[in-house]
N, C-alpha and C. Protein backbone atom coordinates (compact mmCIF):
# COMPACT_ATOMS: atom_id res chain seq x y z
N UNK A 1 -237.87 -100.91 -50.00
CA UNK A 1 -237.99 -100.37 -51.07
C UNK A 1 -236.31 -100.60 -51.97
N UNK A 2 -236.75 -100.99 -53.04
CA UNK A 2 -235.23 -101.04 -53.89
C UNK A 2 -234.49 -100.04 -54.19
N UNK A 3 -233.19 -100.10 -54.27
CA UNK A 3 -232.18 -98.84 -54.56
C UNK A 3 -232.69 -98.05 -55.74
N UNK A 4 -233.03 -98.81 -56.76
CA UNK A 4 -233.27 -97.96 -57.97
C UNK A 4 -234.79 -97.06 -57.53
N UNK A 5 -235.50 -97.50 -56.87
CA UNK A 5 -236.89 -96.53 -56.73
C UNK A 5 -236.61 -95.45 -55.69
N UNK A 6 -235.28 -95.42 -54.90
CA UNK A 6 -235.47 -94.46 -54.17
C UNK A 6 -235.07 -93.29 -54.66
N UNK A 7 -235.94 -92.37 -53.89
CA UNK A 7 -236.09 -90.94 -54.70
C UNK A 7 -234.88 -89.81 -55.02
N UNK A 8 -233.85 -90.37 -54.34
CA UNK A 8 -232.44 -89.69 -54.34
C UNK A 8 -231.93 -89.70 -55.64
N UNK A 9 -232.14 -91.16 -56.11
CA UNK A 9 -231.61 -91.81 -57.36
C UNK A 9 -232.55 -91.79 -58.82
N UNK A 10 -233.57 -91.06 -58.47
CA UNK A 10 -234.64 -90.92 -59.88
C UNK A 10 -233.88 -89.81 -60.42
N UNK A 11 -234.14 -90.14 -61.94
CA UNK A 11 -233.82 -88.91 -62.64
C UNK A 11 -235.15 -88.32 -63.41
N UNK A 12 -234.89 -87.41 -64.16
CA UNK A 12 -236.34 -86.62 -64.90
C UNK A 12 -236.11 -87.38 -65.98
N UNK A 13 -237.51 -87.41 -66.59
CA UNK A 13 -237.29 -87.41 -67.96
C UNK A 13 -236.82 -86.75 -68.99
N UNK A 14 -236.09 -87.47 -70.12
CA UNK A 14 -235.47 -86.55 -70.75
C UNK A 14 -236.50 -85.98 -72.06
N UNK A 15 -236.34 -84.81 -72.14
CA UNK A 15 -237.09 -84.36 -73.24
C UNK A 15 -236.77 -84.35 -74.72
N UNK A 16 -237.50 -84.74 -75.64
CA UNK A 16 -237.03 -85.24 -76.98
C UNK A 16 -236.93 -83.68 -77.96
N UNK A 17 -235.55 -83.44 -78.33
CA UNK A 17 -235.13 -82.56 -78.70
C UNK A 17 -234.41 -82.71 -80.50
N UNK A 18 -234.87 -81.87 -81.54
CA UNK A 18 -234.36 -81.95 -82.75
C UNK A 18 -232.95 -81.15 -82.57
N UNK A 19 -231.82 -81.84 -82.91
CA UNK A 19 -230.71 -81.05 -82.89
C UNK A 19 -229.85 -81.18 -84.19
N UNK A 20 -228.99 -80.68 -84.70
CA UNK A 20 -228.11 -80.89 -85.91
C UNK A 20 -226.65 -80.94 -85.65
N UNK A 21 -226.00 -81.93 -86.01
CA UNK A 21 -224.58 -81.91 -85.84
C UNK A 21 -223.97 -81.88 -86.89
N UNK A 22 -223.10 -80.97 -87.25
CA UNK A 22 -222.19 -80.71 -88.03
C UNK A 22 -220.54 -80.97 -87.87
N UNK A 23 -219.64 -80.99 -89.05
CA UNK A 23 -218.52 -80.43 -88.45
C UNK A 23 -217.98 -79.34 -89.29
N UNK A 24 -217.10 -78.48 -88.66
CA UNK A 24 -216.94 -77.09 -89.09
C UNK A 24 -216.07 -77.15 -90.07
N UNK A 25 -215.63 -76.24 -90.95
CA UNK A 25 -214.33 -76.29 -91.83
C UNK A 25 -212.87 -76.33 -91.29
N UNK A 26 -212.16 -76.57 -92.05
CA UNK A 26 -210.75 -76.52 -91.32
C UNK A 26 -210.39 -75.26 -91.10
N UNK A 27 -210.72 -74.30 -91.77
CA UNK A 27 -210.66 -73.19 -90.98
C UNK A 27 -210.83 -72.78 -89.34
N UNK A 28 -212.05 -73.37 -89.16
CA UNK A 28 -212.23 -73.29 -87.52
C UNK A 28 -211.91 -74.75 -86.62
N UNK A 29 -210.87 -75.68 -87.17
CA UNK A 29 -210.28 -76.33 -86.50
C UNK A 29 -210.80 -77.79 -86.71
N UNK A 30 -212.09 -78.13 -87.66
CA UNK A 30 -212.77 -79.22 -87.47
C UNK A 30 -213.57 -79.89 -86.82
N UNK A 31 -214.17 -78.80 -85.80
CA UNK A 31 -214.67 -79.43 -84.73
C UNK A 31 -216.07 -79.68 -84.83
N UNK A 32 -216.53 -80.64 -83.98
CA UNK A 32 -218.15 -80.56 -84.34
C UNK A 32 -219.02 -79.91 -83.55
N UNK A 33 -219.98 -79.33 -84.10
CA UNK A 33 -220.82 -78.16 -83.82
C UNK A 33 -222.36 -78.53 -83.70
N UNK A 34 -222.80 -78.30 -82.68
CA UNK A 34 -224.32 -78.44 -82.59
C UNK A 34 -225.50 -77.64 -82.18
N UNK A 35 -226.34 -77.77 -82.94
CA UNK A 35 -227.03 -76.83 -83.11
C UNK A 35 -228.66 -77.25 -82.65
N UNK A 36 -229.37 -76.70 -81.78
CA UNK A 36 -230.36 -77.37 -81.18
C UNK A 36 -231.53 -76.56 -81.99
N UNK A 37 -232.57 -77.34 -82.52
CA UNK A 37 -233.35 -76.41 -83.31
C UNK A 37 -234.77 -76.43 -82.63
N UNK A 38 -235.16 -77.21 -81.77
CA UNK A 38 -236.29 -77.07 -80.72
C UNK A 38 -236.77 -78.21 -80.35
N UNK A 39 -237.49 -78.17 -79.29
CA UNK A 39 -238.50 -79.36 -78.50
C UNK A 39 -239.31 -79.92 -79.34
N UNK A 40 -239.06 -81.26 -79.35
CA UNK A 40 -240.42 -82.15 -80.04
C UNK A 40 -242.02 -81.77 -79.33
N UNK A 41 -242.76 -81.53 -80.28
CA UNK A 41 -244.27 -81.04 -79.54
C UNK A 41 -244.05 -79.67 -79.84
N UNK A 42 -243.01 -78.85 -79.67
CA UNK A 42 -243.04 -77.41 -79.93
C UNK A 42 -243.19 -76.92 -81.47
N UNK A 43 -242.24 -78.20 -82.09
CA UNK A 43 -242.08 -77.69 -83.52
C UNK A 43 -242.14 -79.46 -83.96
N UNK A 44 -242.92 -79.40 -85.45
CA UNK A 44 -243.18 -80.76 -86.06
C UNK A 44 -241.92 -80.95 -86.72
N UNK A 45 -241.93 -82.43 -87.00
CA UNK A 45 -240.78 -82.75 -87.90
C UNK A 45 -240.43 -82.18 -89.05
N UNK A 46 -241.47 -81.60 -89.67
CA UNK A 46 -241.28 -80.95 -91.03
C UNK A 46 -241.05 -79.53 -90.90
N UNK A 47 -241.15 -78.90 -89.46
CA UNK A 47 -240.71 -77.41 -89.40
C UNK A 47 -239.26 -77.50 -88.74
N UNK A 48 -238.69 -78.60 -88.31
CA UNK A 48 -237.22 -79.27 -87.71
C UNK A 48 -236.57 -79.09 -89.20
N UNK A 49 -236.98 -80.09 -90.28
CA UNK A 49 -236.17 -80.63 -91.30
C UNK A 49 -236.04 -79.08 -92.14
N UNK A 50 -237.16 -78.17 -92.26
CA UNK A 50 -237.06 -76.87 -92.58
C UNK A 50 -235.96 -76.06 -92.46
N UNK A 51 -235.62 -75.99 -91.15
CA UNK A 51 -234.76 -75.30 -89.94
C UNK A 51 -233.42 -75.87 -90.33
N UNK A 52 -233.56 -77.42 -90.29
CA UNK A 52 -232.04 -77.70 -90.60
C UNK A 52 -231.49 -77.39 -91.97
N UNK A 53 -232.57 -77.09 -92.68
CA UNK A 53 -231.75 -76.65 -94.24
C UNK A 53 -231.44 -75.69 -93.94
N UNK A 54 -232.08 -74.67 -93.57
CA UNK A 54 -231.70 -73.09 -93.43
C UNK A 54 -230.19 -73.49 -92.50
N UNK A 55 -230.25 -74.33 -91.68
CA UNK A 55 -228.71 -74.01 -91.00
C UNK A 55 -227.72 -74.30 -91.88
N UNK A 56 -228.04 -75.59 -92.61
CA UNK A 56 -226.82 -76.00 -93.58
C UNK A 56 -226.90 -75.32 -94.77
N UNK A 57 -227.87 -74.18 -95.07
CA UNK A 57 -227.52 -73.28 -96.20
C UNK A 57 -226.49 -72.02 -95.48
N UNK A 58 -227.04 -71.70 -94.30
CA UNK A 58 -225.99 -70.57 -93.59
C UNK A 58 -224.71 -71.39 -93.43
N UNK A 59 -224.48 -72.19 -93.02
CA UNK A 59 -222.99 -73.02 -92.89
C UNK A 59 -222.52 -73.12 -94.33
N UNK A 60 -223.23 -73.02 -95.55
CA UNK A 60 -222.33 -73.47 -96.80
C UNK A 60 -221.91 -71.77 -97.30
N UNK A 61 -222.86 -71.01 -96.57
CA UNK A 61 -222.50 -69.44 -96.93
C UNK A 61 -221.33 -68.90 -95.99
N UNK A 62 -220.63 -69.56 -95.02
CA UNK A 62 -219.72 -69.08 -94.12
C UNK A 62 -220.15 -68.88 -92.92
N UNK A 63 -221.49 -68.79 -92.63
CA UNK A 63 -221.72 -68.22 -91.44
C UNK A 63 -222.31 -69.16 -90.47
N UNK A 64 -222.03 -68.89 -89.40
CA UNK A 64 -222.44 -69.52 -87.72
C UNK A 64 -223.74 -69.51 -87.28
N UNK A 65 -224.85 -70.36 -87.54
CA UNK A 65 -226.06 -70.28 -87.22
C UNK A 65 -226.11 -70.08 -85.62
N UNK A 66 -225.29 -71.06 -85.01
CA UNK A 66 -225.21 -71.38 -83.44
C UNK A 66 -224.95 -70.10 -82.62
N UNK A 67 -223.97 -69.20 -83.29
CA UNK A 67 -223.44 -68.15 -82.87
C UNK A 67 -224.46 -67.09 -82.96
N UNK A 68 -225.20 -67.15 -84.40
CA UNK A 68 -226.13 -65.91 -84.51
C UNK A 68 -227.47 -66.07 -83.78
N UNK A 69 -227.55 -67.44 -83.09
CA UNK A 69 -228.83 -67.54 -82.42
C UNK A 69 -228.39 -66.67 -80.95
N UNK A 70 -226.88 -67.35 -80.48
CA UNK A 70 -226.98 -66.64 -79.22
C UNK A 70 -226.83 -65.29 -79.27
N UNK A 71 -226.32 -64.82 -80.54
CA UNK A 71 -226.46 -63.19 -80.40
C UNK A 71 -227.89 -62.64 -80.04
N UNK A 72 -228.84 -63.48 -81.27
CA UNK A 72 -230.27 -62.99 -80.80
C UNK A 72 -230.91 -62.64 -79.43
N UNK A 73 -230.40 -63.99 -78.68
CA UNK A 73 -230.93 -64.16 -77.21
C UNK A 73 -230.46 -63.50 -76.20
N UNK A 74 -229.07 -62.92 -76.87
CA UNK A 74 -228.54 -61.73 -75.85
C UNK A 74 -229.15 -60.27 -76.67
N UNK A 75 -229.19 -60.24 -77.46
CA UNK A 75 -230.00 -58.98 -77.81
C UNK A 75 -231.39 -58.75 -77.14
N UNK A 76 -231.99 -60.02 -77.16
CA UNK A 76 -233.34 -59.82 -76.61
C UNK A 76 -233.56 -59.86 -75.17
N UNK A 77 -232.42 -60.01 -74.43
CA UNK A 77 -232.59 -60.25 -73.01
C UNK A 77 -232.14 -58.67 -72.68
N UNK A 78 -231.02 -57.78 -73.63
CA UNK A 78 -230.53 -56.60 -73.22
C UNK A 78 -231.60 -55.94 -73.59
N UNK A 79 -232.55 -56.11 -74.45
CA UNK A 79 -233.80 -55.03 -75.02
C UNK A 79 -234.87 -54.83 -73.75
N UNK A 80 -234.94 -56.22 -73.23
CA UNK A 80 -235.85 -56.13 -71.91
C UNK A 80 -235.34 -55.45 -70.83
N UNK A 81 -234.03 -55.70 -70.43
CA UNK A 81 -233.45 -55.00 -69.37
C UNK A 81 -233.48 -53.54 -69.63
N UNK A 82 -233.43 -53.16 -70.79
CA UNK A 82 -233.41 -51.55 -71.28
C UNK A 82 -234.50 -51.02 -70.92
N UNK A 83 -235.87 -51.75 -71.50
CA UNK A 83 -237.26 -51.46 -71.09
C UNK A 83 -237.53 -51.35 -69.65
N UNK A 84 -236.94 -52.34 -68.59
CA UNK A 84 -237.16 -52.30 -67.57
C UNK A 84 -236.71 -51.01 -66.96
N UNK A 85 -235.19 -50.75 -67.14
CA UNK A 85 -234.75 -49.55 -66.64
C UNK A 85 -235.58 -48.30 -67.00
N UNK A 86 -236.28 -48.31 -68.18
CA UNK A 86 -236.82 -47.23 -68.60
C UNK A 86 -238.06 -47.05 -67.95
N UNK A 87 -238.63 -48.36 -67.59
CA UNK A 87 -240.00 -48.16 -66.74
C UNK A 87 -239.76 -47.66 -65.38
N UNK A 88 -238.37 -48.44 -64.86
CA UNK A 88 -238.23 -48.06 -63.20
C UNK A 88 -237.67 -46.49 -63.21
N UNK A 89 -237.05 -45.88 -64.21
CA UNK A 89 -236.60 -44.71 -64.17
C UNK A 89 -237.94 -43.55 -64.17
N UNK A 90 -238.69 -44.02 -64.81
CA UNK A 90 -240.32 -43.25 -65.09
C UNK A 90 -240.86 -43.06 -63.89
N UNK A 91 -240.74 -44.43 -63.28
CA UNK A 91 -241.74 -44.48 -61.83
C UNK A 91 -240.97 -43.54 -60.68
N UNK A 92 -239.24 -43.68 -60.91
CA UNK A 92 -238.78 -42.72 -59.99
C UNK A 92 -238.82 -41.27 -60.20
N UNK A 93 -239.03 -40.84 -61.38
CA UNK A 93 -238.91 -39.66 -61.72
C UNK A 93 -240.91 -39.08 -61.20
N UNK A 94 -241.49 -39.96 -61.60
CA UNK A 94 -242.64 -39.39 -61.56
C UNK A 94 -243.81 -40.62 -60.76
N UNK A 95 -243.53 -40.81 -59.47
CA UNK A 95 -244.11 -41.83 -58.57
C UNK A 95 -245.43 -42.13 -58.82
N UNK A 96 -246.23 -40.49 -58.72
CA UNK A 96 -248.15 -40.59 -58.53
C UNK A 96 -248.26 -41.05 -60.27
N UNK A 97 -247.63 -41.11 -61.35
CA UNK A 97 -247.84 -41.02 -62.40
C UNK A 97 -247.77 -42.62 -63.06
N UNK A 98 -247.20 -43.09 -62.50
CA UNK A 98 -246.77 -44.60 -62.64
C UNK A 98 -248.03 -45.50 -62.91
N UNK A 99 -249.42 -45.20 -62.65
CA UNK A 99 -250.33 -45.78 -63.35
C UNK A 99 -250.77 -45.96 -64.97
N UNK A 100 -250.28 -45.01 -65.60
CA UNK A 100 -250.19 -44.36 -66.76
C UNK A 100 -249.33 -45.26 -67.61
N UNK A 101 -247.95 -45.94 -66.95
CA UNK A 101 -246.96 -46.42 -67.82
C UNK A 101 -247.76 -47.84 -68.24
N UNK A 102 -247.02 -48.52 -69.31
CA UNK A 102 -247.73 -49.45 -69.80
C UNK A 102 -247.26 -50.99 -68.85
N UNK A 103 -247.88 -52.05 -68.72
CA UNK A 103 -247.49 -52.94 -67.81
C UNK A 103 -246.29 -53.72 -67.75
N UNK A 104 -245.61 -54.18 -67.19
CA UNK A 104 -244.21 -54.55 -67.71
C UNK A 104 -244.69 -56.28 -67.55
N UNK A 105 -244.27 -56.87 -68.95
CA UNK A 105 -244.53 -58.10 -69.14
C UNK A 105 -243.13 -59.05 -69.42
N UNK A 106 -243.21 -60.13 -69.24
CA UNK A 106 -242.02 -60.87 -69.45
C UNK A 106 -241.92 -61.73 -70.58
């Protein structure tokens, strides 16, 4: 078997993604910023273009859309953990009544 077909050297296919690269203002050190819009297939080209326009508009307003996106993800995770803690403490307080609790979803 040729070396390039060896299972140890195989690489997985790379998913196509829409991303946006822009240079930050001089106040932030003029560094290149990358903003991933989404994966091809989940969003269309038109949706990606609309999102890119929103990102550029936010950059012109002086906001950082990438930081806002990270914060939204962090908040979502925090909310999910708080919900799990609430369900857990309810089960600990009333182990017999746990059937009445809403199902835990991911």
